[in-house]
Protein backbone atom coordinates (compact mmCIF):
# COMPACT_ATOMS: atom_id res chain seq x y z
CA MET A 1 14.51 7.32 9.51
CA VAL A 2 11.26 6.56 11.33
CA THR A 3 9.29 3.44 10.37
CA SER A 4 6.47 1.33 11.76
CA LEU A 5 7.99 -1.84 10.29
CA PRO A 6 9.02 -4.68 12.60
CA ALA A 7 12.72 -5.50 12.24
CA PRO A 8 12.16 -9.19 11.30
CA SER A 9 9.86 -8.32 8.37
CA PHE A 10 11.15 -8.54 4.80
CA LEU A 11 9.93 -4.97 4.26
CA TYR A 12 12.48 -3.84 6.83
CA LYS A 13 15.29 -6.32 6.15
CA ASP A 14 15.16 -6.72 2.39
CA ILE A 15 13.88 -3.33 1.25
CA ILE A 16 14.30 -0.42 3.66
CA SER A 17 17.58 -1.59 5.21
CA VAL A 18 18.98 -2.48 1.78
CA TRP A 19 17.97 0.93 0.44
CA ALA A 20 19.62 2.68 3.41
CA LYS A 21 22.86 0.77 2.78
CA ASN A 22 22.70 1.60 -0.93
CA VAL A 23 22.45 5.30 -0.11
CA THR A 24 25.37 5.08 2.32
CA ASP A 25 27.51 3.22 -0.21
CA ALA A 26 26.63 5.64 -3.03
CA SER A 27 27.67 8.57 -0.82
CA ASN A 28 31.06 6.94 -0.10
CA GLY A 29 30.11 6.82 3.56
CA THR A 30 29.37 10.53 3.94
CA LEU A 31 25.73 9.71 4.63
CA ASP A 32 24.52 7.25 7.24
CA VAL A 33 20.81 6.39 7.22
CA GLU A 34 19.90 5.06 10.65
CA VAL A 35 16.59 3.19 10.41
CA PHE A 36 14.43 2.82 13.52
CA PRO A 37 12.09 -0.20 13.38
CA ALA A 38 8.66 -0.77 14.92
CA GLY A 39 7.97 2.81 15.93
CA ALA A 40 11.10 3.11 18.07
CA LEU A 41 11.44 6.73 16.97
CA GLY A 42 7.70 7.43 16.91
CA ARG A 43 5.10 4.98 18.17
CA ASP A 44 2.08 6.20 16.16
CA PRO A 45 2.40 5.51 12.39
CA ALA A 46 -0.09 8.30 11.71
CA SER A 47 2.42 10.80 13.16
CA HIS A 48 5.37 9.83 10.96
CA LEU A 49 4.57 12.24 8.13
CA ASP A 50 4.33 15.12 10.59
CA MET A 51 7.60 14.04 12.19
CA VAL A 52 9.35 14.37 8.83
CA SER A 53 7.59 17.62 7.92
CA SER A 54 8.64 19.19 11.21
CA GLY A 55 12.19 17.83 11.05
CA ILE A 56 11.94 15.56 14.08
CA ALA A 57 12.86 12.75 11.70
CA ASP A 58 14.86 13.24 8.52
CA ILE A 59 13.17 10.43 6.58
CA GLY A 60 9.95 8.52 7.14
CA TYR A 61 8.10 5.43 5.95
CA VAL A 62 4.52 6.60 5.47
CA VAL A 63 1.37 4.57 4.86
CA ALA A 64 -0.77 7.01 2.91
CA GLY A 65 -4.03 5.62 4.32
CA TYR A 66 -2.93 6.51 7.87
CA THR A 67 -2.78 10.22 6.95
CA PRO A 68 -6.02 10.76 4.97
CA GLY A 69 -6.12 13.97 3.00
CA ALA A 70 -2.36 14.43 2.83
CA PHE A 71 -1.90 12.62 -0.51
CA PRO A 72 -5.36 12.59 -2.15
CA GLU A 73 -4.05 11.84 -5.65
CA THR A 74 -2.39 8.61 -4.50
CA THR A 75 -5.78 7.10 -3.68
CA VAL A 76 -6.00 6.26 -7.40
CA MET A 77 -3.73 3.37 -6.41
CA GLU A 78 -6.43 2.06 -4.09
CA LEU A 79 -8.98 1.68 -6.87
CA PRO A 80 -10.10 -1.88 -7.61
CA GLY A 81 -8.69 -3.67 -10.62
CA VAL A 82 -6.20 -0.95 -11.61
CA ILE A 83 -2.87 -2.41 -10.44
CA PRO A 84 -1.78 -5.94 -11.47
CA SER A 85 1.32 -6.21 -9.24
CA ALA A 86 3.38 -4.33 -6.68
CA THR A 87 6.19 -3.83 -9.18
CA VAL A 88 3.99 -2.32 -11.87
CA GLY A 89 1.98 -0.23 -9.41
CA SER A 90 5.11 1.11 -7.72
CA ILE A 91 6.96 2.02 -10.92
CA ALA A 92 3.81 3.71 -12.22
CA GLY A 93 3.64 5.65 -8.95
CA ALA A 94 7.23 6.79 -9.41
CA MET A 95 6.30 8.05 -12.87
CA MET A 96 3.44 10.09 -11.40
CA VAL A 97 5.76 11.66 -8.81
CA GLU A 98 8.29 12.46 -11.54
CA GLU A 99 5.58 14.19 -13.59
CA GLY A 100 4.43 16.20 -10.58
CA LEU A 101 0.99 14.58 -10.51
CA PHE A 102 1.27 13.24 -6.94
CA LYS A 103 1.73 16.57 -5.16
CA GLY A 104 -0.20 16.04 -1.95
CA VAL A 105 -1.71 18.79 0.20
CA GLY A 106 0.62 20.98 2.24
CA MET A 107 3.53 18.73 1.41
CA ASP A 108 5.96 21.51 0.47
CA LYS A 109 8.20 20.55 3.40
CA VAL A 110 8.83 16.99 2.23
CA LYS A 111 10.39 15.33 -0.81
CA ILE A 112 9.02 11.97 -2.00
CA LEU A 113 11.93 9.54 -2.39
CA GLY A 114 9.90 6.40 -3.04
CA MET A 115 6.33 5.75 -4.14
CA PHE A 116 5.07 2.21 -3.68
CA SER A 117 2.10 -0.05 -4.13
CA THR A 118 1.36 -3.27 -2.31
CA ALA A 119 0.36 -6.29 -4.34
CA PRO A 120 -3.36 -6.34 -5.20
CA THR A 121 -5.54 -7.12 -2.23
CA LEU A 122 -8.16 -9.83 -2.14
CA LEU A 123 -11.05 -10.59 0.18
CA HIS A 124 -10.35 -12.90 3.13
CA THR A 125 -13.49 -14.01 5.00
CA THR A 126 -14.45 -16.29 7.86
CA SER A 127 -17.22 -17.90 5.78
CA LYS A 128 -17.25 -18.78 2.10
CA VAL A 129 -18.36 -16.01 -0.26
CA GLU A 130 -19.21 -16.71 -3.90
CA THR A 131 -22.00 -14.22 -4.64
CA LEU A 132 -22.99 -10.62 -3.96
CA ASP A 133 -25.93 -11.93 -1.93
CA GLU A 134 -23.52 -13.77 0.40
CA VAL A 135 -21.28 -10.72 0.96
CA LYS A 136 -24.22 -8.39 1.60
CA GLY A 137 -24.14 -6.92 5.10
CA MET A 138 -20.86 -8.59 6.12
CA ARG A 139 -18.63 -6.40 8.27
CA LEU A 140 -15.35 -6.15 6.36
CA ARG A 141 -12.22 -4.23 7.32
CA GLY A 142 -10.39 -1.98 4.85
CA ALA A 143 -7.24 0.10 5.33
CA GLY A 144 -7.94 3.14 3.14
CA PRO A 145 -10.83 5.29 1.92
CA GLN A 146 -11.18 3.71 -1.52
CA LEU A 147 -10.87 0.17 -0.15
CA LEU A 148 -13.71 1.03 2.22
CA HIS A 149 -15.74 2.41 -0.69
CA SER A 150 -15.16 -0.83 -2.60
CA ILE A 151 -16.45 -2.83 0.34
CA GLU A 152 -19.53 -0.61 0.51
CA ALA A 153 -20.13 -0.91 -3.25
CA LEU A 154 -20.35 -4.68 -2.87
CA GLY A 155 -23.16 -4.26 -0.34
CA ALA A 156 -21.01 -5.14 2.68
CA THR A 157 -20.48 -2.96 5.74
CA PRO A 158 -17.07 -1.21 5.66
CA VAL A 159 -15.12 -1.07 8.92
CA GLY A 160 -12.16 1.29 9.22
CA GLY A 161 -9.95 2.26 12.13
CA ILE A 162 -8.64 -1.25 12.84
CA THR A 163 -4.85 -1.23 12.62
CA SER A 164 -3.01 -4.22 11.20
CA SER A 165 -1.74 -5.24 14.62
CA ASN A 166 -5.33 -5.51 15.91
CA LEU A 167 -6.75 -7.35 12.90
CA SER A 168 -6.33 -10.90 14.16
CA GLU A 169 -8.13 -10.14 17.41
CA ALA A 170 -10.97 -8.35 15.60
CA LEU A 171 -11.52 -11.39 13.38
CA SER A 172 -11.24 -13.96 16.17
CA ARG A 173 -13.72 -12.03 18.31
CA GLY A 174 -16.17 -11.69 15.42
CA LEU A 175 -15.97 -7.90 15.31
CA VAL A 176 -15.46 -8.23 11.56
CA ALA A 177 -16.19 -11.14 9.23
CA GLY A 178 -13.34 -10.48 6.87
CA SER A 179 -10.62 -8.14 5.71
CA VAL A 180 -9.20 -6.79 2.47
CA ASN A 181 -5.45 -7.53 2.36
CA GLU A 182 -2.72 -8.90 0.16
CA TRP A 183 -1.14 -12.21 1.18
CA VAL A 184 1.78 -10.61 3.01
CA ALA A 185 -0.35 -8.65 5.48
CA ALA A 186 -2.95 -11.41 5.70
CA THR A 187 -0.25 -13.83 6.88
CA ILE A 188 1.94 -11.55 9.01
CA PHE A 189 -0.99 -10.08 10.92
CA GLY A 190 -2.85 -13.35 11.44
CA VAL A 191 -5.82 -12.69 9.17
CA ILE A 192 -5.74 -16.20 7.71
CA GLU A 193 -5.88 -17.77 11.15
CA SER A 194 -9.59 -16.91 11.28
CA ALA A 195 -10.44 -15.89 7.71
CA LYS A 196 -9.72 -19.10 5.80
CA PHE A 197 -11.67 -18.32 2.61
CA HIS A 198 -9.86 -16.19 0.03
CA LEU A 199 -11.84 -14.66 -2.82
CA ASP A 200 -9.82 -14.01 -5.96
CA VAL A 201 -10.98 -10.48 -6.74
CA ASN A 202 -8.68 -7.46 -7.18
CA MET A 203 -9.93 -5.03 -4.53
CA GLY A 204 -7.16 -2.47 -5.03
CA THR A 205 -3.87 -1.78 -3.28
CA SER A 206 -2.46 0.37 -0.50
CA PRO A 207 -0.16 3.27 -1.46
CA ILE A 208 2.98 3.67 0.66
CA MET A 209 5.86 6.10 0.37
CA VAL A 210 9.19 7.15 1.78
CA VAL A 211 9.56 10.89 2.25
CA MET A 212 12.43 13.13 3.34
CA ASN A 213 12.46 16.50 5.04
CA LYS A 214 13.05 18.90 2.16
CA ALA A 215 15.18 21.34 4.14
CA LYS A 216 17.42 18.46 5.23
CA TYR A 217 17.76 17.29 1.62
CA ASP A 218 18.47 20.82 0.37
CA ALA A 219 21.24 21.20 2.96
CA LEU A 220 23.18 18.21 1.60
CA SER A 221 26.13 18.51 -0.74
CA ASP A 222 25.61 17.86 -4.45
CA GLU A 223 27.38 14.52 -4.09
CA GLN A 224 25.14 13.49 -1.19
CA LYS A 225 22.01 14.54 -3.07
CA ALA A 226 23.20 12.48 -6.03
CA ALA A 227 23.56 9.43 -3.76
CA ILE A 228 19.96 9.79 -2.65
CA ASP A 229 18.65 10.60 -6.12
CA LYS A 230 20.37 7.53 -7.57
CA ASN A 231 18.39 5.35 -5.17
CA ALA A 232 15.11 7.27 -5.34
CA GLY A 233 12.26 7.25 -7.85
CA GLU A 234 11.97 4.25 -10.16
CA ALA A 235 15.04 2.50 -8.71
CA PHE A 236 13.51 2.54 -5.22
CA SER A 237 10.08 1.55 -6.56
CA ARG A 238 11.57 -1.38 -8.47
CA LEU A 239 13.45 -2.61 -5.37
CA TRP A 240 10.22 -2.43 -3.38
CA GLY A 241 7.98 -3.99 -6.03
CA GLU A 242 10.16 -6.96 -6.91
CA GLN A 243 10.72 -7.85 -3.26
CA PHE A 244 7.05 -7.40 -2.43
CA ASP A 245 5.78 -9.50 -5.34
CA GLY A 246 8.27 -12.27 -4.66
CA ASN A 247 7.40 -12.47 -0.99
CA ASN A 248 3.67 -12.13 -1.68
CA GLU A 249 3.81 -15.23 -3.87
CA LYS A 250 5.77 -17.11 -1.19
CA PHE A 251 3.18 -16.22 1.46
CA ARG A 252 0.32 -17.22 -0.87
CA ALA A 253 1.87 -20.57 -1.77
CA LYS A 254 2.70 -21.41 1.83
CA ALA A 255 -0.77 -20.47 3.09
CA LEU A 256 -2.50 -22.63 0.49
CA GLU A 257 -0.42 -25.66 1.47
CA ASP A 258 -2.77 -25.82 4.45
CA PRO A 259 -5.87 -27.78 3.39
CA SER A 260 -8.03 -25.66 5.71
CA GLN A 261 -7.32 -22.60 3.54
CA GLN A 262 -9.52 -22.33 0.46
CA MET A 263 -9.21 -20.15 -2.65
CA VAL A 264 -12.55 -19.11 -4.10
CA THR A 265 -13.12 -18.01 -7.69
CA LEU A 266 -16.24 -16.22 -8.89
CA SER A 267 -18.25 -17.69 -11.73
CA PRO A 268 -18.10 -15.65 -14.97
CA GLU A 269 -21.65 -14.44 -14.41
CA GLU A 270 -20.97 -13.44 -10.82
CA LYS A 271 -17.65 -11.82 -11.72
CA ALA A 272 -19.44 -9.56 -14.19
CA LYS A 273 -21.74 -8.43 -11.37
CA TRP A 274 -18.83 -7.75 -9.01
CA ASP A 275 -16.90 -5.89 -11.73
CA ALA A 276 -19.93 -3.68 -12.38
CA ARG A 277 -20.24 -2.81 -8.69
CA LEU A 278 -16.53 -2.09 -8.35
CA GLN A 279 -16.55 0.07 -11.48
CA THR A 280 -18.89 2.45 -9.65
CA VAL A 281 -16.04 3.08 -7.18
CA VAL A 282 -13.74 4.06 -10.02
CA ASP A 283 -16.39 6.29 -11.61
CA SER A 284 -17.14 7.98 -8.30
CA TRP A 285 -13.45 8.59 -7.59
CA ILE A 286 -12.97 10.22 -10.99
CA GLU A 287 -16.03 12.42 -10.49
CA GLN A 288 -15.23 13.53 -6.94
CA THR A 289 -11.45 13.98 -7.20
CA PRO A 290 -10.08 17.28 -8.52
CA ASN A 291 -8.55 16.50 -11.93
CA GLY A 292 -9.74 12.95 -11.33
CA GLN A 293 -10.06 11.97 -14.98
CA GLN A 294 -6.60 13.32 -15.80
CA ILE A 295 -4.98 11.56 -12.84
CA PHE A 296 -6.78 8.28 -13.57
CA ASP A 297 -5.87 8.39 -17.27
CA LYS A 298 -2.25 9.29 -16.58
CA TYR A 299 -1.89 6.61 -13.93
CA SER A 300 -3.51 4.02 -16.22
CA GLU A 301 -1.03 5.01 -18.94
CA ALA A 302 1.83 4.68 -16.44
CA VAL A 303 0.60 1.21 -15.42
CA ALA A 304 0.52 0.18 -19.07
CA ALA A 305 4.05 1.52 -19.62
CA ALA A 306 5.38 -0.16 -16.48
CA SER A 307 3.80 -3.46 -17.55
CA GLN A 308 5.91 -3.66 -20.72
């Protein structure tokens, strides 16, 4: 299994490694999932989907935003205000995969084992932002197409192409004035070292998945397939979501123990203005995405079901 995750991270230790062990145990030891951390099997995260499709790797951890166009339907998960938590967003994603609504483009060579959402992102900036006028023109980094559209809708200047590992330097050098991240990434990648103001606005999430080479899966015995299937879908999404939400809250609480870090809340009047701007991103996505209304409605229904 190829991943870009550093071995010390909870994503690697408490989710991916646990999942791999669960699969091995369920197969009575006939399967052994060897996970390679931090790009040890493939340095460029953008290549990991191709590595699985071509069979170089059997399984891969894929950040959908790094392979734009491959999973266009999953960008519904990036829309602002749609997902309340990683657990709900991930389980809803699993439902969409199960219903065949997250098909991707040219993805016939891979099987989606896990569909995940991060926790909702918020806006971390180097100067305090409380109004649309103050955010106007600010250079803000986003990780996916819809997150960049949300930044643009607010009147700021979207900046893509900055990987997580380069975020801290970009902020400290003033190349960007802020970034859209959840608390986990904001802490791990040093965003909050420079961007000490945190605006409580749901800017959307980042879709992530684990995929397997379909030919490799098809070649397994029925018992081995059952071991993978038992730990795929909603079970995998729940493992991811609960760990992510728990750690996200820990990172948030720890960061805000520092008096130099400041949470910012919009006034009701200003929030209404921000919500109206961000709604244009949702409307545009529905209009421009094939079957956009159907996908949005179905995903919204799945979010509501997963929230119960």
